[in-house]
C-alpha atoms as a PDB file:
ATOM      1  CA  UNK A   1     -16.413  18.682  -0.235  1.00  0.00           C
ATOM      2  CA  UNK A   2     -18.499  19.683   2.730  1.00  0.00           C
ATOM      3  CA  UNK A   3     -20.341  17.101   4.779  1.00  0.00           C
ATOM      4  CA  UNK A   4     -23.695  18.501   3.635  1.00  0.00           C
ATOM      5  CA  UNK A   5     -22.680  18.290  -0.045  1.00  0.00           C
ATOM      6  CA  UNK A   6     -21.411  14.743   0.466  1.00  0.00           C
ATOM      7  CA  UNK A   7     -24.678  13.714   2.136  1.00  0.00           C
ATOM      8  CA  UNK A   8     -26.691  15.267  -0.713  1.00  0.00           C
ATOM      9  CA  UNK A   9     -24.544  13.466  -3.312  1.00  0.00           C
ATOM     10  CA  UNK A  10     -24.954  10.153  -1.475  1.00  0.00           C
ATOM     11  CA  UNK A  11     -28.733  10.642  -1.432  1.00  0.00           C
ATOM     12  CA  UNK A  12     -29.234  11.931  -4.950  1.00  0.00           C
ATOM     13  CA  UNK A  13     -26.581  10.117  -7.008  1.00  0.00           C
ATOM     14  CA  UNK A  14     -26.896   6.312  -6.924  1.00  0.00           C
ATOM     15  CA  UNK A  15     -23.670   5.869  -8.922  1.00  0.00           C
ATOM     16  CA  UNK A  16     -21.725   8.014  -6.438  1.00  0.00           C
ATOM     17  CA  UNK A  17     -23.265   6.160  -3.474  1.00  0.00           C
ATOM     18  CA  UNK A  18     -22.385   2.810  -5.053  1.00  0.00           C
ATOM     19  CA  UNK A  19     -18.797   3.922  -5.696  1.00  0.00           C
ATOM     20  CA  UNK A  20     -18.428   5.123  -2.094  1.00  0.00           C
ATOM     21  CA  UNK A  21     -19.770   1.834  -0.703  1.00  0.00           C
ATOM     22  CA  UNK A  22     -17.438  -0.096  -3.005  1.00  0.00           C
ATOM     23  CA  UNK A  23     -14.465   1.985  -1.896  1.00  0.00           C
ATOM     24  CA  UNK A  24     -15.303   1.494   1.790  1.00  0.00           C
ATOM     25  CA  UNK A  25     -15.651  -2.262   1.267  1.00  0.00           C
ATOM     26  CA  UNK A  26     -12.290  -2.447  -0.561  1.00  0.00           C
ATOM     27  CA  UNK A  27     -10.624  -0.325   2.122  1.00  0.00           C
ATOM     28  CA  UNK A  28     -11.954  -2.534   4.936  1.00  0.00           C
ATOM     29  CA  UNK A  29     -10.710  -5.662   3.162  1.00  0.00           C
ATOM     30  CA  UNK A  30      -7.289  -4.035   2.853  1.00  0.00           C
ATOM     31  CA  UNK A  31      -7.251  -3.183   6.564  1.00  0.00           C
ATOM     32  CA  UNK A  32      -8.233  -6.726   7.559  1.00  0.00           C
ATOM     33  CA  UNK A  33      -5.492  -8.249   5.410  1.00  0.00           C
ATOM     34  CA  UNK A  34      -2.963  -5.776   6.832  1.00  0.00           C
ATOM     35  CA  UNK A  35      -3.853  -6.721  10.404  1.00  0.00           C
ATOM     36  CA  UNK A  36      -3.380 -10.426   9.651  1.00  0.00           C
ATOM     37  CA  UNK A  37      -0.192  -9.691   7.701  1.00  0.00           C
ATOM     38  CA  UNK A  38       1.352  -7.807  10.620  1.00  0.00           C
ATOM     39  CA  UNK A  39       1.038 -10.933  12.738  1.00  0.00           C
ATOM     40  CA  UNK A  40       2.070 -13.508  10.139  1.00  0.00           C
ATOM     41  CA  UNK A  41       4.951 -12.119   8.080  1.00  0.00           C
ATOM     42  CA  UNK A  42       8.461 -10.775   8.511  1.00  0.00           C
ATOM     43  CA  UNK A  43       9.204  -7.071   8.574  1.00  0.00           C
ATOM     44  CA  UNK A  44      11.080  -7.314   5.269  1.00  0.00           C
ATOM     45  CA  UNK A  45       8.019  -8.859   3.593  1.00  0.00           C
ATOM     46  CA  UNK A  46       5.684  -6.286   5.142  1.00  0.00           C
ATOM     47  CA  UNK A  47       7.976  -3.403   4.157  1.00  0.00           C
ATOM     48  CA  UNK A  48       8.084  -4.660   0.568  1.00  0.00           C
ATOM     49  CA  UNK A  49       4.279  -4.972   0.531  1.00  0.00           C
ATOM     50  CA  UNK A  50       3.807  -1.516   1.979  1.00  0.00           C
ATOM     51  CA  UNK A  51       6.188   0.116  -0.526  1.00  0.00           C
ATOM     52  CA  UNK A  52       4.427  -1.614  -3.424  1.00  0.00           C
ATOM     53  CA  UNK A  53       1.009  -0.546  -2.161  1.00  0.00           C
ATOM     54  CA  UNK A  54       2.226   3.055  -1.863  1.00  0.00           C
ATOM     55  CA  UNK A  55       3.560   2.883  -5.409  1.00  0.00           C
ATOM     56  CA  UNK A  56       0.481   1.328  -7.065  1.00  0.00           C
ATOM     57  CA  UNK A  57      -1.808   4.364  -7.332  1.00  0.00           C
ATOM     58  CA  UNK A  58       0.917   6.634  -8.737  1.00  0.00           C
ATOM     59  CA  UNK A  59       3.219   6.833 -11.729  1.00  0.00           C
ATOM     60  CA  UNK A  60       6.489   7.476  -9.938  1.00  0.00           C
ATOM     61  CA  UNK A  61       8.844   4.835  -8.567  1.00  0.00           C
ATOM     62  CA  UNK A  62      10.267   7.405  -6.148  1.00  0.00           C
ATOM     63  CA  UNK A  63       8.187   7.538  -2.987  1.00  0.00           C
ATOM     64  CA  UNK A  64       8.509  10.627  -0.826  1.00  0.00           C
ATOM     65  CA  UNK A  65       8.599   9.010   2.604  1.00  0.00           C
ATOM     66  CA  UNK A  66      10.830   8.985   5.649  1.00  0.00           C
ATOM     67  CA  UNK A  67      12.034   5.969   7.576  1.00  0.00           C
ATOM     68  CA  UNK A  68      10.324   7.443  10.630  1.00  0.00           C
ATOM     69  CA  UNK A  69       6.954   7.292   8.870  1.00  0.00           C
ATOM     70  CA  UNK A  70       7.643   3.766   7.605  1.00  0.00           C
ATOM     71  CA  UNK A  71       8.501   2.701  11.150  1.00  0.00           C
ATOM     72  CA  UNK A  72       5.300   4.254  12.455  1.00  0.00           C
ATOM     73  CA  UNK A  73       3.157   2.647   9.740  1.00  0.00           C
ATOM     74  CA  UNK A  74       4.673  -0.792  10.359  1.00  0.00           C
ATOM     75  CA  UNK A  75       4.714  -0.495  14.143  1.00  0.00           C
ATOM     76  CA  UNK A  76       8.452  -0.870  14.693  1.00  0.00           C
ATOM     77  CA  UNK A  77      11.426   1.258  15.740  1.00  0.00           C
ATOM     78  CA  UNK A  78      13.271   3.283  13.109  1.00  0.00           C
ATOM     79  CA  UNK A  79      16.532   1.253  13.354  1.00  0.00           C
ATOM     80  CA  UNK A  80      14.509  -1.881  12.595  1.00  0.00           C
ATOM     81  CA  UNK A  81      13.196  -0.270   9.387  1.00  0.00           C
ATOM     82  CA  UNK A  82      16.746   0.739   8.493  1.00  0.00           C
ATOM     83  CA  UNK A  83      17.874  -2.897   8.736  1.00  0.00           C
ATOM     84  CA  UNK A  84      14.939  -4.208   6.669  1.00  0.00           C
ATOM     85  CA  UNK A  85      15.461  -1.494   4.042  1.00  0.00           C
ATOM     86  CA  UNK A  86      19.154  -2.417   3.831  1.00  0.00           C
ATOM     87  CA  UNK A  87      18.197  -6.000   3.011  1.00  0.00           C
ATOM     88  CA  UNK A  88      15.969  -4.786   0.167  1.00  0.00           C
ATOM     89  CA  UNK A  89      18.706  -2.390  -0.944  1.00  0.00           C
ATOM     90  CA  UNK A  90      21.356  -5.153  -0.984  1.00  0.00           C
ATOM     91  CA  UNK A  91      19.037  -7.172  -3.238  1.00  0.00           C
ATOM     92  CA  UNK A  92      18.845  -4.090  -5.544  1.00  0.00           C
ATOM     93  CA  UNK A  93      15.061  -3.839  -5.130  1.00  0.00           C
ATOM     94  CA  UNK A  94      15.128  -0.308  -3.708  1.00  0.00           C
ATOM     95  CA  UNK A  95      17.440   2.679  -3.380  1.00  0.00           C
ATOM     96  CA  UNK A  96      16.886   4.672  -0.212  1.00  0.00           C
ATOM     97  CA  UNK A  97      17.552   8.374  -0.252  1.00  0.00           C
ATOM     98  CA  UNK A  98      17.007  11.346   1.983  1.00  0.00           C
ATOM     99  CA  UNK A  99      13.260  11.396   2.739  1.00  0.00           C
ATOM    100  CA  UNK A 100      12.542   9.043  -0.143  1.00  0.00           C
ATOM    101  CA  UNK A 101      12.734   5.472  -1.374  1.00  0.00           C
ATOM    102  CA  UNK A 102      13.058   4.581  -5.055  1.00  0.00           C
ATOM    103  CA  UNK A 103      11.786   1.237  -6.290  1.00  0.00           C
ATOM    104  CA  UNK A 104      14.400  -0.143  -8.696  1.00  0.00           C
ATOM    105  CA  UNK A 105      13.036  -3.652  -9.282  1.00  0.00           C
ATOM    106  CA  UNK A 106       9.272  -3.902  -8.872  1.00  0.00           C
ATOM    107  CA  UNK A 107       9.205  -7.574  -9.823  1.00  0.00           C
ATOM    108  CA  UNK A 108      11.906  -8.427  -7.300  1.00  0.00           C
ATOM    109  CA  UNK A 109      10.179  -6.374  -4.622  1.00  0.00           C
ATOM    110  CA  UNK A 110       6.940  -8.219  -5.379  1.00  0.00           C
ATOM    111  CA  UNK A 111       8.721 -11.549  -4.868  1.00  0.00           C
ATOM    112  CA  UNK A 112      10.205 -10.251  -1.601  1.00  0.00           C
ATOM    113  CA  UNK A 113       6.768  -9.280  -0.313  1.00  0.00           C
ATOM    114  CA  UNK A 114       4.322 -11.718   1.212  1.00  0.00           C
ATOM    115  CA  UNK A 115       1.257 -13.111  -0.544  1.00  0.00           C
ATOM    116  CA  UNK A 116      -0.836 -10.402   1.111  1.00  0.00           C
ATOM    117  CA  UNK A 117       0.263  -7.896  -1.534  1.00  0.00           C
ATOM    118  CA  UNK A 118      -1.152  -9.969  -4.389  1.00  0.00           C
ATOM    119  CA  UNK A 119      -4.287 -10.725  -2.377  1.00  0.00           C
ATOM    120  CA  UNK A 120      -4.981  -7.061  -1.652  1.00  0.00           C
ATOM    121  CA  UNK A 121      -4.218  -6.106  -5.269  1.00  0.00           C
ATOM    122  CA  UNK A 122      -6.603  -8.729  -6.592  1.00  0.00           C
ATOM    123  CA  UNK A 123      -9.360  -7.576  -4.239  1.00  0.00           C
ATOM    124  CA  UNK A 124      -8.800  -3.900  -5.112  1.00  0.00           C
ATOM    125  CA  UNK A 125      -8.831  -4.672  -8.837  1.00  0.00           C
ATOM    126  CA  UNK A 126     -12.097  -6.578  -8.309  1.00  0.00           C
ATOM    127  CA  UNK A 127     -13.733  -3.682  -6.477  1.00  0.00           C
ATOM    128  CA  UNK A 128     -12.048  -0.768  -8.277  1.00  0.00           C
ATOM    129  CA  UNK A 129     -10.882  -2.097 -11.680  1.00  0.00           C
ATOM    130  CA  UNK A 130     -10.175   1.324 -13.239  1.00  0.00           C
ATOM    131  CA  UNK A 131      -7.982   2.332 -10.315  1.00  0.00           C
ATOM    132  CA  UNK A 132      -6.150  -0.967  -9.735  1.00  0.00           C
ATOM    133  CA  UNK A 133      -5.969  -2.961 -12.986  1.00  0.00           C
ATOM    134  CA  UNK A 134      -4.527  -6.467 -12.847  1.00  0.00           C
ATOM    135  CA  UNK A 135      -0.740  -6.626 -13.484  1.00  0.00           C
END
């Protein structure tokens, strides 16, 4: 969508404008929680949260992602991600593969994550209930 078309839609379609404002609000809440989470929780908890959040909008438990990207997203070195992923793998929550991670036990991964995952999910389901229904 071009910028001009987006601007016209925002001006002429109140429902679209409302949805965009709601999405921006939900996104900002998610960012704020993520910033606090990065300071307060272990890498294993943050990795579990991040994998769950990547999984939520889709239908596939296999996430096409590299450890390099995970390291970049979580602000750590790749070997550190490897160690955290091994902990989740030993608990049988995930199965890493080449350029992918498969979630084997969503419930276990949820327990391994910090409370920030449930908080963000609750806020997203409040703002965007059709996209993020309650578990």
